[in-house]
Amino acid sequence: MTSTIGERLLWRDGDFTVSQCVFCVHKSETGTTCAAFPEGIPSRILRSEADHRQAFAGDRRTRFELAGDDVRPYLVSTRFPA
């Protein structure tokens, strides 16, 4: 699928990824820490290279939880389906 915004931006599926953390109820306001990783979210999770619905070393048994149904429309193309 190809998407555009106006005539200046064009991208195809897989061209960019939004971090799963953006949609998580546990994220901090800065977005670089959360309840699972108060010292800093590992880059593999920030880059959505690891599915944080699954256990991840050091996550204090806190996993990704969708912030609410109001964000579901923004999950258009994600690596890990909600």
PDB file of N, CA and C in Angstrom:
ATOM      1  N   MET A   1       0.842  -1.182   0.000  1.00  0.00           N
ATOM      2  CA  MET A   1       0.000   0.000   0.000  1.00  0.00           C
ATOM      3  C   MET A   1       0.881   1.237   0.000  1.00  0.00           C
ATOM      4  N   THR A   2       0.501   2.240  -0.748  1.00  0.00           N
ATOM      5  CA  THR A   2       1.214   3.511  -0.782  1.00  0.00           C
ATOM      6  C   THR A   2       0.304   4.575  -0.192  1.00  0.00           C
ATOM      7  N   SER A   3       0.880   5.442   0.634  1.00  0.00           N
ATOM      8  CA  SER A   3       0.118   6.519   1.256  1.00  0.00           C
ATOM      9  C   SER A   3       0.789   7.841   0.959  1.00  0.00           C
ATOM     10  N   THR A   4       0.007   8.916   0.958  1.00  0.00           N
ATOM     11  CA  THR A   4       0.573  10.249   0.733  1.00  0.00           C
ATOM     12  C   THR A   4      -0.059  11.244   1.680  1.00  0.00           C
ATOM     13  N   ILE A   5       0.665  12.312   1.919  1.00  0.00           N
ATOM     14  CA  ILE A   5       0.135  13.500   2.588  1.00  0.00           C
ATOM     15  C   ILE A   5       0.460  14.637   1.634  1.00  0.00           C
ATOM     16  N   GLY A   6      -0.549  15.184   1.022  1.00  0.00           N
ATOM     17  CA  GLY A   6      -0.308  16.216   0.021  1.00  0.00           C
ATOM     18  C   GLY A   6       0.494  15.639  -1.136  1.00  0.00           C
ATOM     19  N   GLU A   7       1.287  16.459  -1.747  1.00  0.00           N
ATOM     20  CA  GLU A   7       2.094  16.007  -2.875  1.00  0.00           C
ATOM     21  C   GLU A   7       3.554  15.839  -2.500  1.00  0.00           C
ATOM     22  N   ARG A   8       3.913  16.160  -1.256  1.00  0.00           N
ATOM     23  CA  ARG A   8       5.324  16.176  -0.888  1.00  0.00           C
ATOM     24  C   ARG A   8       5.820  14.917  -0.202  1.00  0.00           C
ATOM     25  N   LEU A   9       4.946  14.183   0.448  1.00  0.00           N
ATOM     26  CA  LEU A   9       5.368  12.997   1.183  1.00  0.00           C
ATOM     27  C   LEU A   9       4.748  11.747   0.586  1.00  0.00           C
ATOM     28  N   LEU A  10       5.573  10.740   0.428  1.00  0.00           N
ATOM     29  CA  LEU A  10       5.112   9.474  -0.116  1.00  0.00           C
ATOM     30  C   LEU A  10       5.822   8.359   0.631  1.00  0.00           C
ATOM     31  N   TRP A  11       5.079   7.353   1.074  1.00  0.00           N
ATOM     32  CA  TRP A  11       5.710   6.218   1.735  1.00  0.00           C
ATOM     33  C   TRP A  11       4.942   4.947   1.425  1.00  0.00           C
ATOM     34  N   ARG A  12       5.639   3.850   1.577  1.00  0.00           N
ATOM     35  CA  ARG A  12       5.049   2.526   1.371  1.00  0.00           C
ATOM     36  C   ARG A  12       5.091   1.777   2.694  1.00  0.00           C
ATOM     37  N   ASP A  13       4.269   0.726   2.805  1.00  0.00           N
ATOM     38  CA  ASP A  13       4.290  -0.096   4.019  1.00  0.00           C
ATOM     39  C   ASP A  13       5.714  -0.503   4.337  1.00  0.00           C
ATOM     40  N   GLY A  14       6.105  -0.352   5.577  1.00  0.00           N
ATOM     41  CA  GLY A  14       7.441  -0.738   6.012  1.00  0.00           C
ATOM     42  C   GLY A  14       8.466   0.363   5.925  1.00  0.00           C
ATOM     43  N   ASP A  15       8.122   1.526   5.343  1.00  0.00           N
ATOM     44  CA  ASP A  15       9.094   2.610   5.213  1.00  0.00           C
ATOM     45  C   ASP A  15       9.427   3.251   6.559  1.00  0.00           C
ATOM     46  N   PHE A  16       8.476   3.262   7.479  1.00  0.00           N
ATOM     47  CA  PHE A  16       8.755   3.777   8.816  1.00  0.00           C
ATOM     48  C   PHE A  16       7.895   3.037   9.830  1.00  0.00           C
ATOM     49  N   THR A  17       8.348   3.073  11.077  1.00  0.00           N
ATOM     50  CA  THR A  17       7.648   2.391  12.147  1.00  0.00           C
ATOM     51  C   THR A  17       7.459   3.353  13.312  1.00  0.00           C
ATOM     52  N   VAL A  18       6.282   3.364  13.877  1.00  0.00           N
ATOM     53  CA  VAL A  18       6.012   4.142  15.086  1.00  0.00           C
ATOM     54  C   VAL A  18       6.213   3.203  16.263  1.00  0.00           C
ATOM     55  N   SER A  19       6.916   3.662  17.270  1.00  0.00           N
ATOM     56  CA  SER A  19       7.190   2.829  18.429  1.00  0.00           C
ATOM     57  C   SER A  19       5.914   2.356  19.100  1.00  0.00           C
ATOM     58  N   GLN A  20       5.913   1.090  19.504  1.00  0.00           N
ATOM     59  CA  GLN A  20       4.784   0.548  20.253  1.00  0.00           C
ATOM     60  C   GLN A  20       4.565   1.338  21.547  1.00  0.00           C
ATOM     61  N   CYS A  21       5.619   1.951  22.056  1.00  0.00           N
ATOM     62  CA  CYS A  21       5.534   2.703  23.312  1.00  0.00           C
ATOM     63  C   CYS A  21       4.575   3.891  23.217  1.00  0.00           C
ATOM     64  N   VAL A  22       4.424   4.447  22.040  1.00  0.00           N
ATOM     65  CA  VAL A  22       3.533   5.590  21.848  1.00  0.00           C
ATOM     66  C   VAL A  22       2.116   5.248  22.302  1.00  0.00           C
ATOM     67  N   PHE A  23       1.722   4.001  22.136  1.00  0.00           N
ATOM     68  CA  PHE A  23       0.353   3.581  22.418  1.00  0.00           C
ATOM     69  C   PHE A  23       0.195   2.865  23.762  1.00  0.00           C
ATOM     70  N   CYS A  24       1.239   2.850  24.585  1.00  0.00           N
ATOM     71  CA  CYS A  24       1.218   2.100  25.836  1.00  0.00           C
ATOM     72  C   CYS A  24       0.782   2.956  27.019  1.00  0.00           C
ATOM     73  N   VAL A  25      -0.043   2.371  27.860  1.00  0.00           N
ATOM     74  CA  VAL A  25      -0.545   3.047  29.050  1.00  0.00           C
ATOM     75  C   VAL A  25       0.565   3.323  30.070  1.00  0.00           C
ATOM     76  N   HIS A  26       1.673   2.587  30.012  1.00  0.00           N
ATOM     77  CA  HIS A  26       2.733   2.709  31.010  1.00  0.00           C
ATOM     78  C   HIS A  26       3.814   3.743  30.685  1.00  0.00           C
ATOM     79  N   LYS A  27       3.758   4.362  29.504  1.00  0.00           N
ATOM     80  CA  LYS A  27       4.836   5.277  29.116  1.00  0.00           C
ATOM     81  C   LYS A  27       4.810   6.549  29.960  1.00  0.00           C
ATOM     82  N   SER A  28       5.981   7.139  30.083  1.00  0.00           N
ATOM     83  CA  SER A  28       6.087   8.411  30.799  1.00  0.00           C
ATOM     84  C   SER A  28       5.780   9.547  29.823  1.00  0.00           C
ATOM     85  N   GLU A  29       5.689  10.752  30.350  1.00  0.00           N
ATOM     86  CA  GLU A  29       5.426  11.896  29.479  1.00  0.00           C
ATOM     87  C   GLU A  29       6.587  12.169  28.535  1.00  0.00           C
ATOM     88  N   THR A  30       7.795  11.827  28.934  1.00  0.00           N
ATOM     89  CA  THR A  30       8.947  12.051  28.052  1.00  0.00           C
ATOM     90  C   THR A  30       9.018  11.004  26.958  1.00  0.00           C
ATOM     91  N   GLY A  31       8.426   9.819  27.204  1.00  0.00           N
ATOM     92  CA  GLY A  31       8.446   8.744  26.232  1.00  0.00           C
ATOM     93  C   GLY A  31       9.726   7.935  26.224  1.00  0.00           C
ATOM     94  N   THR A  32      10.688   8.293  27.066  1.00  0.00           N
ATOM     95  CA  THR A  32      11.958   7.551  27.101  1.00  0.00           C
ATOM     96  C   THR A  32      12.036   6.596  28.275  1.00  0.00           C
ATOM     97  N   THR A  33      11.080   6.693  29.193  1.00  0.00           N
ATOM     98  CA  THR A  33      11.002   5.791  30.339  1.00  0.00           C
ATOM     99  C   THR A  33       9.544   5.347  30.499  1.00  0.00           C
ATOM    100  N   CYS A  34       9.354   4.316  31.327  1.00  0.00           N
ATOM    101  CA  CYS A  34       8.002   3.835  31.592  1.00  0.00           C
ATOM    102  C   CYS A  34       8.017   3.048  32.898  1.00  0.00           C
ATOM    103  N   ALA A  35       6.861   2.526  33.273  1.00  0.00           N
ATOM    104  CA  ALA A  35       6.767   1.732  34.497  1.00  0.00           C
ATOM    105  C   ALA A  35       7.654   0.495  34.439  1.00  0.00           C
ATOM    106  N   ALA A  36       7.806  -0.086  33.253  1.00  0.00           N
ATOM    107  CA  ALA A  36       8.641  -1.284  33.100  1.00  0.00           C
ATOM    108  C   ALA A  36      10.129  -0.947  33.117  1.00  0.00           C
ATOM    109  N   PHE A  37      10.488   0.200  32.571  1.00  0.00           N
ATOM    110  CA  PHE A  37      11.898   0.598  32.440  1.00  0.00           C
ATOM    111  C   PHE A  37      12.094   2.039  32.922  1.00  0.00           C
ATOM    112  N   PRO A  38      12.072   2.256  34.235  1.00  0.00           N
ATOM    113  CA  PRO A  38      12.194   3.617  34.771  1.00  0.00           C
ATOM    114  C   PRO A  38      13.562   4.261  34.508  1.00  0.00           C
ATOM    115  N   GLU A  39      14.552   3.436  34.167  1.00  0.00           N
ATOM    116  CA  GLU A  39      15.887   3.969  33.875  1.00  0.00           C
ATOM    117  C   GLU A  39      16.096   4.199  32.379  1.00  0.00           C
ATOM    118  N   GLY A  40      15.115   3.859  31.564  1.00  0.00           N
ATOM    119  CA  GLY A  40      15.212   4.048  30.124  1.00  0.00           C
ATOM    120  C   GLY A  40      14.751   2.817  29.364  1.00  0.00           C
ATOM    121  N   ILE A  41      13.908   3.029  28.372  1.00  0.00           N
ATOM    122  CA  ILE A  41      13.363   1.931  27.574  1.00  0.00           C
ATOM    123  C   ILE A  41      14.446   1.427  26.621  1.00  0.00           C
ATOM    124  N   PRO A  42      14.677   0.122  26.587  1.00  0.00           N
ATOM    125  CA  PRO A  42      15.684  -0.434  25.676  1.00  0.00           C
ATOM    126  C   PRO A  42      15.371  -0.092  24.212  1.00  0.00           C
ATOM    127  N   SER A  43      16.408   0.156  23.450  1.00  0.00           N
ATOM    128  CA  SER A  43      16.229   0.569  22.058  1.00  0.00           C
ATOM    129  C   SER A  43      15.485  -0.478  21.235  1.00  0.00           C
ATOM    130  N   ARG A  44      15.656  -1.762  21.527  1.00  0.00           N
ATOM    131  CA  ARG A  44      14.940  -2.802  20.769  1.00  0.00           C
ATOM    132  C   ARG A  44      13.425  -2.665  20.926  1.00  0.00           C
ATOM    133  N   ILE A  45      12.989  -2.199  22.082  1.00  0.00           N
ATOM    134  CA  ILE A  45      11.557  -1.991  22.299  1.00  0.00           C
ATOM    135  C   ILE A  45      11.128  -0.672  21.666  1.00  0.00           C
ATOM    136  N   LEU A  46      11.922   0.382  21.859  1.00  0.00           N
ATOM    137  CA  LEU A  46      11.587   1.673  21.246  1.00  0.00           C
ATOM    138  C   LEU A  46      11.467   1.564  19.736  1.00  0.00           C
ATOM    139  N   ARG A  47      12.318   0.760  19.123  1.00  0.00           N
ATOM    140  CA  ARG A  47      12.306   0.595  17.661  1.00  0.00           C
ATOM    141  C   ARG A  47      11.350  -0.510  17.213  1.00  0.00           C
ATOM    142  N   SER A  48      10.578  -1.058  18.140  1.00  0.00           N
ATOM    143  CA  SER A  48       9.628  -2.147  17.864  1.00  0.00           C
ATOM    144  C   SER A  48      10.302  -3.357  17.223  1.00  0.00           C
ATOM    145  N   GLU A  49      11.529  -3.617  17.610  1.00  0.00           N
ATOM    146  CA  GLU A  49      12.222  -4.828  17.165  1.00  0.00           C
ATOM    147  C   GLU A  49      11.901  -5.998  18.092  1.00  0.00           C
ATOM    148  N   ALA A  50      11.349  -5.693  19.259  1.00  0.00           N
ATOM    149  CA  ALA A  50      10.910  -6.709  20.212  1.00  0.00           C
ATOM    150  C   ALA A  50       9.463  -6.390  20.581  1.00  0.00           C
ATOM    151  N   ASP A  51       8.645  -7.401  20.621  1.00  0.00           N
ATOM    152  CA  ASP A  51       7.233  -7.258  20.961  1.00  0.00           C
ATOM    153  C   ASP A  51       7.111  -7.245  22.482  1.00  0.00           C
ATOM    154  N   HIS A  52       6.807  -6.076  23.054  1.00  0.00           N
ATOM    155  CA  HIS A  52       6.782  -5.996  24.508  1.00  0.00           C
ATOM    156  C   HIS A  52       5.479  -6.459  25.132  1.00  0.00           C
ATOM    157  N   ARG A  53       4.644  -7.141  24.358  1.00  0.00           N
ATOM    158  CA  ARG A  53       3.547  -7.893  24.970  1.00  0.00           C
ATOM    159  C   ARG A  53       4.108  -9.173  25.568  1.00  0.00           C
ATOM    160  N   GLN A  54       5.330  -9.501  25.174  1.00  0.00           N
ATOM    161  CA  GLN A  54       6.054 -10.669  25.682  1.00  0.00           C
ATOM    162  C   GLN A  54       7.093 -10.207  26.706  1.00  0.00           C
ATOM    163  N   ALA A  55       7.524 -11.121  27.560  1.00  0.00           N
ATOM    164  CA  ALA A  55       8.542 -10.793  28.573  1.00  0.00           C
ATOM    165  C   ALA A  55       9.810 -10.274  27.901  1.00  0.00           C
ATOM    166  N   PHE A  56      10.440  -9.304  28.549  1.00  0.00           N
ATOM    167  CA  PHE A  56      11.706  -8.734  28.077  1.00  0.00           C
ATOM    168  C   PHE A  56      12.575  -8.536  29.313  1.00  0.00           C
ATOM    169  N   ALA A  57      13.838  -8.880  29.206  1.00  0.00           N
ATOM    170  CA  ALA A  57      14.753  -8.801  30.352  1.00  0.00           C
ATOM    171  C   ALA A  57      14.680  -7.439  31.034  1.00  0.00           C
ATOM    172  N   GLY A  58      14.468  -7.465  32.348  1.00  0.00           N
ATOM    173  CA  GLY A  58      14.472  -6.236  33.144  1.00  0.00           C
ATOM    174  C   GLY A  58      13.171  -5.464  33.158  1.00  0.00           C
ATOM    175  N   ASP A  59      12.084  -6.026  32.610  1.00  0.00           N
ATOM    176  CA  ASP A  59      10.841  -5.245  32.503  1.00  0.00           C
ATOM    177  C   ASP A  59       9.965  -5.243  33.759  1.00  0.00           C
ATOM    178  N   ARG A  60      10.459  -5.810  34.849  1.00  0.00           N
ATOM    179  CA  ARG A  60       9.744  -5.768  36.129  1.00  0.00           C
ATOM    180  C   ARG A  60       8.333  -6.347  36.040  1.00  0.00           C
ATOM    181  N   ARG A  61       8.127  -7.308  35.110  1.00  0.00           N
ATOM    182  CA  ARG A  61       6.833  -7.966  34.887  1.00  0.00           C
ATOM    183  C   ARG A  61       5.737  -6.993  34.440  1.00  0.00           C
ATOM    184  N   THR A  62       6.138  -5.896  33.866  1.00  0.00           N
ATOM    185  CA  THR A  62       5.197  -4.932  33.303  1.00  0.00           C
ATOM    186  C   THR A  62       5.319  -5.017  31.794  1.00  0.00           C
ATOM    187  N   ARG A  63       4.216  -5.249  31.113  1.00  0.00           N
ATOM    188  CA  ARG A  63       4.215  -5.427  29.661  1.00  0.00           C
ATOM    189  C   ARG A  63       3.411  -4.327  28.979  1.00  0.00           C
ATOM    190  N   PHE A  64       3.540  -4.276  27.660  1.00  0.00           N
ATOM    191  CA  PHE A  64       2.746  -3.343  26.863  1.00  0.00           C
ATOM    192  C   PHE A  64       1.262  -3.556  27.128  1.00  0.00           C
ATOM    193  N   GLU A  65       0.555  -2.442  27.334  1.00  0.00           N
ATOM    194  CA  GLU A  65      -0.908  -2.455  27.423  1.00  0.00           C
ATOM    195  C   GLU A  65      -1.405  -1.273  26.614  1.00  0.00           C
ATOM    196  N   LEU A  66      -2.319  -1.527  25.707  1.00  0.00           N
ATOM    197  CA  LEU A  66      -2.876  -0.475  24.872  1.00  0.00           C
ATOM    198  C   LEU A  66      -3.497   0.598  25.743  1.00  0.00           C
ATOM    199  N   ALA A  67      -3.167   1.847  25.474  1.00  0.00           N
ATOM    200  CA  ALA A  67      -3.608   2.969  26.304  1.00  0.00           C
ATOM    201  C   ALA A  67      -5.118   3.130  26.318  1.00  0.00           C
ATOM    202  N   GLY A  68      -5.811   2.638  25.333  1.00  0.00           N
ATOM    203  CA  GLY A  68      -7.269   2.704  25.304  1.00  0.00           C
ATOM    204  C   GLY A  68      -7.797   2.561  23.893  1.00  0.00           C
ATOM    205  N   ASP A  69      -9.082   2.335  23.781  1.00  0.00           N
ATOM    206  CA  ASP A  69      -9.683   2.172  22.461  1.00  0.00           C
ATOM    207  C   ASP A  69      -9.592   3.434  21.618  1.00  0.00           C
ATOM    208  N   ASP A  70      -9.415   4.589  22.265  1.00  0.00           N
ATOM    209  CA  ASP A  70      -9.332   5.831  21.506  1.00  0.00           C
ATOM    210  C   ASP A  70      -8.071   5.916  20.647  1.00  0.00           C
ATOM    211  N   VAL A  71      -7.046   5.100  20.928  1.00  0.00           N
ATOM    212  CA  VAL A  71      -5.838   5.097  20.094  1.00  0.00           C
ATOM    213  C   VAL A  71      -5.891   4.032  19.013  1.00  0.00           C
ATOM    214  N   ARG A  72      -6.824   3.115  19.084  1.00  0.00           N
ATOM    215  CA  ARG A  72      -6.908   2.031  18.101  1.00  0.00           C
ATOM    216  C   ARG A  72      -6.934   2.530  16.651  1.00  0.00           C
ATOM    217  N   PRO A  73      -7.629   3.635  16.316  1.00  0.00           N
ATOM    218  CA  PRO A  73      -7.604   4.096  14.918  1.00  0.00           C
ATOM    219  C   PRO A  73      -6.208   4.465  14.407  1.00  0.00           C
ATOM    220  N   TYR A  74      -5.282   4.781  15.296  1.00  0.00           N
ATOM    221  CA  TYR A  74      -3.934   5.153  14.888  1.00  0.00           C
ATOM    222  C   TYR A  74      -3.057   3.935  14.616  1.00  0.00           C
ATOM    223  N   LEU A  75      -3.530   2.745  14.951  1.00  0.00           N
ATOM    224  CA  LEU A  75      -2.767   1.530  14.723  1.00  0.00           C
ATOM    225  C   LEU A  75      -3.026   1.000  13.321  1.00  0.00           C
ATOM    226  N   VAL A  76      -2.782   1.834  12.339  1.00  0.00           N
ATOM    227  CA  VAL A  76      -3.082   1.509  10.954  1.00  0.00           C
ATOM    228  C   VAL A  76      -2.192   0.392  10.433  1.00  0.00           C
ATOM    229  N   SER A  77      -0.906   0.535  10.610  1.00  0.00           N
ATOM    230  CA  SER A  77       0.025  -0.468  10.105  1.00  0.00           C
ATOM    231  C   SER A  77       1.103  -0.659  11.151  1.00  0.00           C
ATOM    232  N   THR A  78       0.985  -1.701  11.946  1.00  0.00           N
ATOM    233  CA  THR A  78       1.958  -1.941  12.988  1.00  0.00           C
ATOM    234  C   THR A  78       2.601  -3.306  12.804  1.00  0.00           C
ATOM    235  N   ARG A  79       3.747  -3.458  13.376  1.00  0.00           N
ATOM    236  CA  ARG A  79       4.440  -4.723  13.311  1.00  0.00           C
ATOM    237  C   ARG A  79       3.748  -5.771  14.186  1.00  0.00           C
ATOM    238  N   PHE A  80       3.132  -5.322  15.276  1.00  0.00           N
ATOM    239  CA  PHE A  80       2.489  -6.224  16.226  1.00  0.00           C
ATOM    240  C   PHE A  80       1.016  -5.837  16.349  1.00  0.00           C
ATOM    241  N   PRO A  81       0.095  -6.616  15.807  1.00  0.00           N
ATOM    242  CA  PRO A  81      -1.315  -6.264  15.862  1.00  0.00           C
ATOM    243  C   PRO A  81      -1.829  -6.137  17.293  1.00  0.00           C
ATOM    244  N   ALA A  82      -2.695  -5.177  17.519  1.00  0.00           N
ATOM    245  CA  ALA A  82      -3.297  -4.983  18.838  1.00  0.00           C
ATOM    246  C   ALA A  82      -4.239  -6.099  19.077  1.00  0.00           C
TER     247      ALA A  82
END
